Structure formats: structure tokens, C-alpha cells
Amino acid sequence: MMMMMLFLFAFGLFTEVGSKQAPVPKQNTYRVLAGDSWWGIAKKFKLTPSELALLNGRKESDALYQNELLRISGTGLTAEEVKAQKPKQKPFFPLPSIEKTERPYSDITHLPHKGIEYSHDKSGWVRSSLPGKVINIDYMDGYENYVILEHENGWYSVYANLERVQVTEGQVLSARERIGTLTKNRGLYFQVNQLKNPVNPTLFLQQGT
């Protein structure tokens, strides 16, 4: 368990918000002024409004508030970097049905969330997004049972909030193969890393061959 905890934190998986955080570098953030819009701020920093919203775990339709701090660059891989190192095949959605996002990926330094937590409306079980090898199965408070898969080209995926795990360590899975069942009251927590770099799962799932 201790060795796996070191692996998790080394790869940025399940990053928790600490009581003390390093100051956010000024060049990575922008403080919203009166009259600002997603479009106007994005244009200043050569981003699209959707990219800016995604960096902040938000939607373009969300209201902006004067003096709030927005991230204008992230610690994870950019969309261009993900495309350059894309998986060898198109990833599949990790659930048999498309679910709403309950808690999005966030690259904001003071409020990180390195994965996506989906709702639990239609899907009772979880499937592998890509072919891969099961390298760890364990339990962590707040994430229940979880499974980590290793894929080609340095990609890793994490599936948490599992009630029952239906794979074994060392097992090689095909894409869309069943991994386990979800707990009754929580949806899937899904995280993706490219080596040590956290990747927004939404960008990952958009990749194709």
C-alpha cells in the first residue's frame, strides 16, 4: 500500500488539496476586471473561450465575477501536446453510457482536481478506455476501490469509486473490457496521465487515430 501511495502521488494521481499551497505565479493567472468576458480574456492570451474555460474547470456559459482569479496556463498537457502524444487508437468512454460530469477536471493551483467524476444515473459498471495492463488494485479513503491501467506510449488511466473489482493485477485487458461495478451512491472517478503529466480526460477522450 505504501509503495502504491508513492506511485500515485509521483504520477499526480488523486492529488489532494493541501493546507498550504505555493503562491500561484502571476504569469499563469489573470484577475477578472469589470466588463471582462470569456471571449475578451481568451483573446488577450491567444486562447479560445472554450480552452480558457476548460483550464479553469468551468463552462463558457458560467458567469465571471470581478476580482476572481483565472488560470491562463496549466500544469497539465495542453491540447496540442496531447495530440502530439495521442494514443495509438481512439479511447472509449469509460462507462457503457455517456454520463454527466459531476465534478470536472481542474488545473487551478489552489483547487486541483486531476480527474473527472461522473454522475451515477445510467451506468452501473466501468470499462477500460484503451487496451492495457492492470498494474495496481487498491483502496483509498474518498475513492473506494480503484484500478490503474498502463497503456502504450506512456499513458495511464485510473478508475475509482468501485464497489467490486472484476480484474486482477497483471491481467491484460482489451478496450471496453469490464473492470468492475460502481458504488451505489457515487459515479466513476476517471483520471488520465501521460507519464507524470496529468491530462484532462476530456481532451484524452477526444483523441483519435
Foldseek 3Di string as FASTA:
>chain_A
DVVVVVVCVQLPHPDDQDPDFDDDDPVFKDFDAPPDALCNVCVVLVHHSQQQQQQAQHGSPDDDDGGDMGTPDFQFDDLVRCQVQADPFAFDDFFPDDFAWPGFAYRDRNDGDLWTWTADDPGFFTWARAWFFWADWDQDPPFGIKTWTADPSQKIKMKTQFPFADDDHGDTDHGRHTGGTHDDGTGITMWMGRNSGTDGVVSNNPDGD
